[in-house]
PDB file of N, CA and C in Angstrom:
ATOM      1  N   MET A   1    -135.493 -21.752 -96.750  1.00  0.00           N
ATOM      2  CA  MET A   1    -134.896 -22.650 -95.777  1.00  0.00           C
ATOM      3  C   MET A   1    -134.249 -23.846 -96.463  1.00  0.00           C
ATOM      4  N   GLN A   2    -134.984 -24.396 -97.423  1.00  0.00           N
ATOM      5  CA  GLN A   2    -134.470 -25.580 -98.117  1.00  0.00           C
ATOM      6  C   GLN A   2    -133.242 -25.217 -98.961  1.00  0.00           C
ATOM      7  N   ASN A   3    -133.232 -24.021 -99.528  1.00  0.00           N
ATOM      8  CA  ASN A   3    -132.072 -23.583-100.324  1.00  0.00           C
ATOM      9  C   ASN A   3    -130.830 -23.437 -99.449  1.00  0.00           C
ATOM     10  N   ILE A   4    -131.008 -22.892 -98.265  1.00  0.00           N
ATOM     11  CA  ILE A   4    -129.888 -22.721 -97.338  1.00  0.00           C
ATOM     12  C   ILE A   4    -129.329 -24.077 -96.923  1.00  0.00           C
ATOM     13  N   LEU A   5    -130.220 -25.018 -96.629  1.00  0.00           N
ATOM     14  CA  LEU A   5    -129.764 -26.352 -96.239  1.00  0.00           C
ATOM     15  C   LEU A   5    -129.098 -27.090 -97.398  1.00  0.00           C
ATOM     16  N   THR A   6    -129.579 -26.855 -98.611  1.00  0.00           N
ATOM     17  CA  THR A   6    -128.951 -27.477 -99.778  1.00  0.00           C
ATOM     18  C   THR A   6    -127.539 -26.947 -99.975  1.00  0.00           C
ATOM     19  N   ILE A   7    -127.370 -25.653 -99.835  1.00  0.00           N
ATOM     20  CA  ILE A   7    -126.025 -25.065 -99.931  1.00  0.00           C
ATOM     21  C   ILE A   7    -125.147 -25.577 -98.800  1.00  0.00           C
ATOM     22  N   ALA A   8    -125.710 -25.690 -97.597  1.00  0.00           N
ATOM     23  CA  ALA A   8    -124.948 -26.181 -96.446  1.00  0.00           C
ATOM     24  C   ALA A   8    -124.487 -27.614 -96.661  1.00  0.00           C
ATOM     25  N   ILE A   9    -125.331 -28.470 -97.232  1.00  0.00           N
ATOM     26  CA  ILE A   9    -124.938 -29.862 -97.427  1.00  0.00           C
ATOM     27  C   ILE A   9    -123.869 -29.985 -98.516  1.00  0.00           C
ATOM     28  N   ILE A  10    -123.914 -29.101 -99.515  1.00  0.00           N
ATOM     29  CA  ILE A  10    -122.873 -29.110-100.545  1.00  0.00           C
ATOM     30  C   ILE A  10    -121.535 -28.680 -99.949  1.00  0.00           C
ATOM     31  N   VAL A  11    -121.568 -27.631 -99.139  1.00  0.00           N
ATOM     32  CA  VAL A  11    -120.338 -27.156 -98.485  1.00  0.00           C
ATOM     33  C   VAL A  11    -119.797 -28.224 -97.546  1.00  0.00           C
ATOM     34  N   LEU A  12    -120.674 -28.859 -96.777  1.00  0.00           N
ATOM     35  CA  LEU A  12    -120.243 -29.926 -95.870  1.00  0.00           C
ATOM     36  C   LEU A  12    -119.637 -31.096 -96.636  1.00  0.00           C
ATOM     37  N   ALA A  13    -120.224 -31.445 -97.767  1.00  0.00           N
ATOM     38  CA  ALA A  13    -119.693 -32.550 -98.566  1.00  0.00           C
ATOM     39  C   ALA A  13    -118.284 -32.242 -99.065  1.00  0.00           C
ATOM     40  N   VAL A  14    -118.075 -31.009 -99.540  1.00  0.00           N
ATOM     41  CA  VAL A  14    -116.744 -30.618-100.018  1.00  0.00           C
ATOM     42  C   VAL A  14    -115.739 -30.625 -98.864  1.00  0.00           C
ATOM     43  N   LEU A  15    -116.139 -30.086 -97.711  1.00  0.00           N
ATOM     44  CA  LEU A  15    -115.243 -30.085 -96.542  1.00  0.00           C
ATOM     45  C   LEU A  15    -114.913 -31.495 -96.079  1.00  0.00           C
ATOM     46  N   LEU A  16    -115.892 -32.378 -96.122  1.00  0.00           N
ATOM     47  CA  LEU A  16    -115.673 -33.764 -95.717  1.00  0.00           C
ATOM     48  C   LEU A  16    -114.706 -34.462 -96.667  1.00  0.00           C
ATOM     49  N   ILE A  17    -114.860 -34.229 -97.951  1.00  0.00           N
ATOM     50  CA  ILE A  17    -113.941 -34.814 -98.937  1.00  0.00           C
ATOM     51  C   ILE A  17    -112.527 -34.292 -98.724  1.00  0.00           C
ATOM     52  N   LEU A  18    -112.386 -32.992 -98.507  1.00  0.00           N
ATOM     53  CA  LEU A  18    -111.059 -32.415 -98.269  1.00  0.00           C
ATOM     54  C   LEU A  18    -110.431 -32.939 -96.982  1.00  0.00           C
ATOM     55  N   ALA A  19    -111.232 -33.082 -95.933  1.00  0.00           N
ATOM     56  CA  ALA A  19    -110.706 -33.578 -94.657  1.00  0.00           C
ATOM     57  C   ALA A  19    -110.218 -35.016 -94.786  1.00  0.00           C
ATOM     58  N   VAL A  20    -110.947 -35.839 -95.528  1.00  0.00           N
ATOM     59  CA  VAL A  20    -110.528 -37.228 -95.713  1.00  0.00           C
ATOM     60  C   VAL A  20    -109.278 -37.291 -96.587  1.00  0.00           C
ATOM     61  N   ALA A  21    -109.187 -36.413 -97.582  1.00  0.00           N
ATOM     62  CA  ALA A  21    -108.018 -36.408 -98.456  1.00  0.00           C
ATOM     63  C   ALA A  21    -106.755 -35.957 -97.721  1.00  0.00           C
ATOM     64  N   VAL A  22    -106.904 -35.054 -96.758  1.00  0.00           N
ATOM     65  CA  VAL A  22    -105.763 -34.529 -96.015  1.00  0.00           C
ATOM     66  C   VAL A  22    -105.335 -35.471 -94.895  1.00  0.00           C
ATOM     67  N   GLN A  23    -106.237 -36.329 -94.456  1.00  0.00           N
ATOM     68  CA  GLN A  23    -105.958 -37.221 -93.335  1.00  0.00           C
ATOM     69  C   GLN A  23    -104.747 -38.101 -93.631  1.00  0.00           C
ATOM     70  N   PRO A  24    -103.806 -38.181 -92.680  1.00  0.00           N
ATOM     71  CA  PRO A  24    -102.618 -39.008 -92.908  1.00  0.00           C
ATOM     72  C   PRO A  24    -102.955 -40.494 -92.928  1.00  0.00           C
ATOM     73  N   SER A  25    -102.140 -41.255 -93.640  1.00  0.00           N
ATOM     74  CA  SER A  25    -102.348 -42.693 -93.765  1.00  0.00           C
ATOM     75  C   SER A  25    -102.080 -43.384 -92.433  1.00  0.00           C
ATOM     76  N   LYS A  26    -102.874 -44.409 -92.132  1.00  0.00           N
ATOM     77  CA  LYS A  26    -102.707 -45.135 -90.868  1.00  0.00           C
ATOM     78  C   LYS A  26    -101.504 -46.063 -90.902  1.00  0.00           C
ATOM     79  N   ASN A  27    -101.183 -46.631 -92.065  1.00  0.00           N
ATOM     80  CA  ASN A  27    -100.048 -47.535 -92.164  1.00  0.00           C
ATOM     81  C   ASN A  27     -99.366 -47.340 -93.510  1.00  0.00           C
ATOM     82  N   SER A  28     -98.177 -47.866 -93.626  1.00  0.00           N
ATOM     83  CA  SER A  28     -97.442 -47.706 -94.873  1.00  0.00           C
ATOM     84  C   SER A  28     -97.869 -48.764 -95.875  1.00  0.00           C
ATOM     85  N   SER A  29     -97.637 -48.486 -97.128  1.00  0.00           N
ATOM     86  CA  SER A  29     -98.025 -49.432 -98.167  1.00  0.00           C
ATOM     87  C   SER A  29     -97.141 -50.669 -98.130  1.00  0.00           C
ATOM     88  N   SER A  30     -95.922 -50.560 -97.625  1.00  0.00           N
ATOM     89  CA  SER A  30     -95.054 -51.743 -97.537  1.00  0.00           C
ATOM     90  C   SER A  30     -95.583 -52.722 -96.488  1.00  0.00           C
ATOM     91  N   ALA A  31     -96.248 -52.214 -95.456  1.00  0.00           N
ATOM     92  CA  ALA A  31     -96.838 -53.108 -94.454  1.00  0.00           C
ATOM     93  C   ALA A  31     -98.004 -53.880 -95.060  1.00  0.00           C
ATOM     94  N   ASN A  32     -98.703 -53.271 -96.010  1.00  0.00           N
ATOM     95  CA  ASN A  32     -99.790 -53.972 -96.680  1.00  0.00           C
ATOM     96  C   ASN A  32     -99.263 -55.112 -97.529  1.00  0.00           C
ATOM     97  N   ILE A  33     -98.127 -54.914 -98.167  1.00  0.00           N
ATOM     98  CA  ILE A  33     -97.566 -55.936 -99.049  1.00  0.00           C
ATOM     99  C   ILE A  33     -96.971 -57.086 -98.241  1.00  0.00           C
ATOM    100  N   THR A  34     -96.210 -56.752 -97.192  1.00  0.00           N
ATOM    101  CA  THR A  34     -95.525 -57.788 -96.429  1.00  0.00           C
ATOM    102  C   THR A  34     -96.408 -58.458 -95.384  1.00  0.00           C
ATOM    103  N   GLY A  35     -97.530 -57.872 -95.066  1.00  0.00           N
ATOM    104  CA  GLY A  35     -98.404 -58.445 -94.050  1.00  0.00           C
ATOM    105  C   GLY A  35     -97.843 -58.271 -92.654  1.00  0.00           C
ATOM    106  N   SER A  36     -97.316 -57.126 -92.387  1.00  0.00           N
ATOM    107  CA  SER A  36     -96.702 -56.829 -91.094  1.00  0.00           C
ATOM    108  C   SER A  36     -97.680 -57.078 -89.947  1.00  0.00           C
ATOM    109  N   THR A  37     -97.187 -57.687 -88.867  1.00  0.00           N
ATOM    110  CA  THR A  37     -98.055 -57.990 -87.731  1.00  0.00           C
ATOM    111  C   THR A  37     -98.485 -56.723 -87.009  1.00  0.00           C
ATOM    112  N   GLN A  38     -97.662 -55.697 -87.058  1.00  0.00           N
ATOM    113  CA  GLN A  38     -98.052 -54.453 -86.412  1.00  0.00           C
ATOM    114  C   GLN A  38     -99.267 -53.859 -87.113  1.00  0.00           C
ATOM    115  N   ALA A  39     -99.332 -53.970 -88.429  1.00  0.00           N
ATOM    116  CA  ALA A  39    -100.475 -53.439 -89.170  1.00  0.00           C
ATOM    117  C   ALA A  39    -101.728 -54.258 -88.883  1.00  0.00           C
ATOM    118  N   LEU A  40    -101.571 -55.547 -88.592  1.00  0.00           N
ATOM    119  CA  LEU A  40    -102.730 -56.392 -88.349  1.00  0.00           C
ATOM    120  C   LEU A  40    -103.263 -56.256 -86.930  1.00  0.00           C
ATOM    121  N   GLY A  41    -102.375 -56.304 -85.941  1.00  0.00           N
ATOM    122  CA  GLY A  41    -102.848 -56.351 -84.566  1.00  0.00           C
ATOM    123  C   GLY A  41    -102.623 -55.095 -83.766  1.00  0.00           C
ATOM    124  N   GLY A  42    -101.681 -54.278 -84.160  1.00  0.00           N
ATOM    125  CA  GLY A  42    -101.332 -53.128 -83.328  1.00  0.00           C
ATOM    126  C   GLY A  42    -102.023 -51.857 -83.753  1.00  0.00           C
ATOM    127  N   ARG A  43    -103.061 -51.488 -83.047  1.00  0.00           N
ATOM    128  CA  ARG A  43    -103.744 -50.221 -83.347  1.00  0.00           C
ATOM    129  C   ARG A  43    -103.159 -49.170 -82.424  1.00  0.00           C
ATOM    130  N   ARG A  44    -102.518 -48.189 -83.022  1.00  0.00           N
ATOM    131  CA  ARG A  44    -101.954 -47.101 -82.233  1.00  0.00           C
ATOM    132  C   ARG A  44    -103.020 -46.052 -81.967  1.00  0.00           C
ATOM    133  N   LYS A  45    -102.891 -45.368 -80.854  1.00  0.00           N
ATOM    134  CA  LYS A  45    -103.802 -44.272 -80.558  1.00  0.00           C
ATOM    135  C   LYS A  45    -103.356 -43.054 -81.351  1.00  0.00           C
ATOM    136  N   ALA A  46    -104.329 -42.427 -82.008  1.00  0.00           N
ATOM    137  CA  ALA A  46    -104.021 -41.257 -82.821  1.00  0.00           C
ATOM    138  C   ALA A  46    -103.629 -40.085 -81.920  1.00  0.00           C
ATOM    139  N   ARG A  47    -102.596 -39.358 -82.341  1.00  0.00           N
ATOM    140  CA  ARG A  47    -102.130 -38.213 -81.567  1.00  0.00           C
ATOM    141  C   ARG A  47    -101.902 -37.032 -82.483  1.00  0.00           C
ATOM    142  N   GLY A  48    -101.990 -35.869 -81.929  1.00  0.00           N
ATOM    143  CA  GLY A  48    -101.679 -34.649 -82.656  1.00  0.00           C
ATOM    144  C   GLY A  48    -102.609 -34.408 -83.822  1.00  0.00           C
ATOM    145  N   PHE A  49    -101.999 -34.269 -85.008  1.00  0.00           N
ATOM    146  CA  PHE A  49    -102.752 -33.941 -86.208  1.00  0.00           C
ATOM    147  C   PHE A  49    -103.739 -35.057 -86.569  1.00  0.00           C
ATOM    148  N   GLU A  50    -103.322 -36.311 -86.386  1.00  0.00           N
ATOM    149  CA  GLU A  50    -104.214 -37.446 -86.680  1.00  0.00           C
ATOM    150  C   GLU A  50    -105.468 -37.394 -85.825  1.00  0.00           C
ATOM    151  N   ALA A  51    -105.311 -37.132 -84.546  1.00  0.00           N
ATOM    152  CA  ALA A  51    -106.455 -37.078 -83.633  1.00  0.00           C
ATOM    153  C   ALA A  51    -107.374 -35.912 -83.985  1.00  0.00           C
ATOM    154  N   ALA A  52    -106.780 -34.782 -84.327  1.00  0.00           N
ATOM    155  CA  ALA A  52    -107.586 -33.614 -84.695  1.00  0.00           C
ATOM    156  C   ALA A  52    -108.373 -33.891 -85.975  1.00  0.00           C
ATOM    157  N   MET A  53    -107.729 -34.484 -86.957  1.00  0.00           N
ATOM    158  CA  MET A  53    -108.420 -34.789 -88.213  1.00  0.00           C
ATOM    159  C   MET A  53    -109.505 -35.835 -87.998  1.00  0.00           C
ATOM    160  N   ASP A  54    -109.259 -36.790 -87.124  1.00  0.00           N
ATOM    161  CA  ASP A  54    -110.266 -37.804 -86.815  1.00  0.00           C
ATOM    162  C   ASP A  54    -111.511 -37.151 -86.216  1.00  0.00           C
ATOM    163  N   ARG A  55    -111.302 -36.218 -85.283  1.00  0.00           N
ATOM    164  CA  ARG A  55    -112.426 -35.504 -84.682  1.00  0.00           C
ATOM    165  C   ARG A  55    -113.165 -34.643 -85.699  1.00  0.00           C
ATOM    166  N   VAL A  56    -112.414 -33.959 -86.553  1.00  0.00           N
ATOM    167  CA  VAL A  56    -113.023 -33.099 -87.572  1.00  0.00           C
ATOM    168  C   VAL A  56    -113.894 -33.927 -88.514  1.00  0.00           C
ATOM    169  N   ILE A  57    -113.385 -35.078 -88.936  1.00  0.00           N
ATOM    170  CA  ILE A  57    -114.138 -35.935 -89.850  1.00  0.00           C
ATOM    171  C   ILE A  57    -115.396 -36.473 -89.184  1.00  0.00           C
ATOM    172  N   ARG A  58    -115.287 -36.857 -87.923  1.00  0.00           N
ATOM    173  CA  ARG A  58    -116.470 -37.349 -87.210  1.00  0.00           C
ATOM    174  C   ARG A  58    -117.539 -36.268 -87.064  1.00  0.00           C
ATOM    175  N   VAL A  59    -117.126 -35.052 -86.720  1.00  0.00           N
ATOM    176  CA  VAL A  59    -118.080 -33.955 -86.540  1.00  0.00           C
ATOM    177  C   VAL A  59    -118.717 -33.579 -87.878  1.00  0.00           C
ATOM    178  N   LEU A  60    -117.890 -33.474 -88.927  1.00  0.00           N
ATOM    179  CA  LEU A  60    -118.436 -33.142 -90.247  1.00  0.00           C
ATOM    180  C   LEU A  60    -119.415 -34.212 -90.726  1.00  0.00           C
ATOM    181  N   GLY A  61    -119.082 -35.474 -90.487  1.00  0.00           N
ATOM    182  CA  GLY A  61    -119.984 -36.553 -90.881  1.00  0.00           C
ATOM    183  C   GLY A  61    -121.304 -36.500 -90.141  1.00  0.00           C
ATOM    184  N   LEU A  62    -121.244 -36.224 -88.849  1.00  0.00           N
ATOM    185  CA  LEU A  62    -122.457 -36.131 -88.045  1.00  0.00           C
ATOM    186  C   LEU A  62    -123.335 -34.962 -88.490  1.00  0.00           C
ATOM    187  N   VAL A  63    -122.719 -33.802 -88.694  1.00  0.00           N
ATOM    188  CA  VAL A  63    -123.478 -32.631 -89.143  1.00  0.00           C
ATOM    189  C   VAL A  63    -124.059 -32.881 -90.533  1.00  0.00           C
ATOM    190  N   PHE A  64    -123.290 -33.533 -91.408  1.00  0.00           N
ATOM    191  CA  PHE A  64    -123.777 -33.864 -92.748  1.00  0.00           C
ATOM    192  C   PHE A  64    -125.022 -34.754 -92.668  1.00  0.00           C
ATOM    193  N   MET A  65    -124.974 -35.765 -91.806  1.00  0.00           N
ATOM    194  CA  MET A  65    -126.118 -36.670 -91.668  1.00  0.00           C
ATOM    195  C   MET A  65    -127.338 -35.939 -91.112  1.00  0.00           C
ATOM    196  N   ILE A  66    -127.137 -35.065 -90.147  1.00  0.00           N
ATOM    197  CA  ILE A  66    -128.258 -34.317 -89.555  1.00  0.00           C
ATOM    198  C   ILE A  66    -128.895 -33.407 -90.603  1.00  0.00           C
ATOM    199  N   VAL A  67    -128.081 -32.688 -91.365  1.00  0.00           N
ATOM    200  CA  VAL A  67    -128.613 -31.792 -92.407  1.00  0.00           C
ATOM    201  C   VAL A  67    -129.326 -32.617 -93.482  1.00  0.00           C
ATOM    202  N   ALA A  68    -128.766 -33.770 -93.840  1.00  0.00           N
ATOM    203  CA  ALA A  68    -129.427 -34.626 -94.837  1.00  0.00           C
ATOM    204  C   ALA A  68    -130.785 -35.115 -94.343  1.00  0.00           C
ATOM    205  N   LEU A  69    -130.873 -35.483 -93.067  1.00  0.00           N
ATOM    206  CA  LEU A  69    -132.155 -35.915 -92.514  1.00  0.00           C
ATOM    207  C   LEU A  69    -133.178 -34.774 -92.470  1.00  0.00           C
ATOM    208  N   ILE A  70    -132.721 -33.580 -92.137  1.00  0.00           N
ATOM    209  CA  ILE A  70    -133.625 -32.432 -92.128  1.00  0.00           C
ATOM    210  C   ILE A  70    -134.114 -32.134 -93.536  1.00  0.00           C
ATOM    211  N   LEU A  71    -133.218 -32.210 -94.521  1.00  0.00           N
ATOM    212  CA  LEU A  71    -133.635 -31.995 -95.915  1.00  0.00           C
ATOM    213  C   LEU A  71    -134.634 -33.051 -96.369  1.00  0.00           C
ATOM    214  N   ALA A  72    -134.426 -34.294 -95.969  1.00  0.00           N
ATOM    215  CA  ALA A  72    -135.342 -35.360 -96.329  1.00  0.00           C
ATOM    216  C   ALA A  72    -136.715 -35.123 -95.700  1.00  0.00           C
ATOM    217  N   LYS A  73    -136.721 -34.656 -94.455  1.00  0.00           N
ATOM    218  CA  LYS A  73    -137.985 -34.373 -93.772  1.00  0.00           C
ATOM    219  C   LYS A  73    -138.730 -33.217 -94.435  1.00  0.00           C
ATOM    220  N   LEU A  74    -137.987 -32.199 -94.884  1.00  0.00           N
ATOM    221  CA  LEU A  74    -138.615 -31.067 -95.547  1.00  0.00           C
ATOM    222  C   LEU A  74    -139.158 -31.442 -96.929  1.00  0.00           C
ATOM    223  N   ALA A  75    -138.559 -32.421 -97.561  1.00  0.00           N
ATOM    224  CA  ALA A  75    -138.995 -32.819 -98.904  1.00  0.00           C
ATOM    225  C   ALA A  75    -140.306 -33.580 -98.888  1.00  0.00           C
ATOM    226  N   VAL A  76    -140.671 -34.140 -97.743  1.00  0.00           N
ATOM    227  CA  VAL A  76    -141.914 -34.926 -97.654  1.00  0.00           C
ATOM    228  C   VAL A  76    -143.107 -34.050 -97.484  1.00  0.00           C
TER     229      VAL A  76
END
């Protein structure tokens, strides 16, 4: 059981890293340099691919935390 969960947490970690790497940037780097007011105050609602990636990252993070807690409980 513990071996399966260890493999699962490794796979989840790799998937989480890939999902974060693929996620599109929220703002441009030029807005960071110029201090654009839209970047400071205007939060746009994520749509399409951004929204899907946001959901995927949240679900992967939650499952990762649950598996980590189960592994910690089994180790005691």
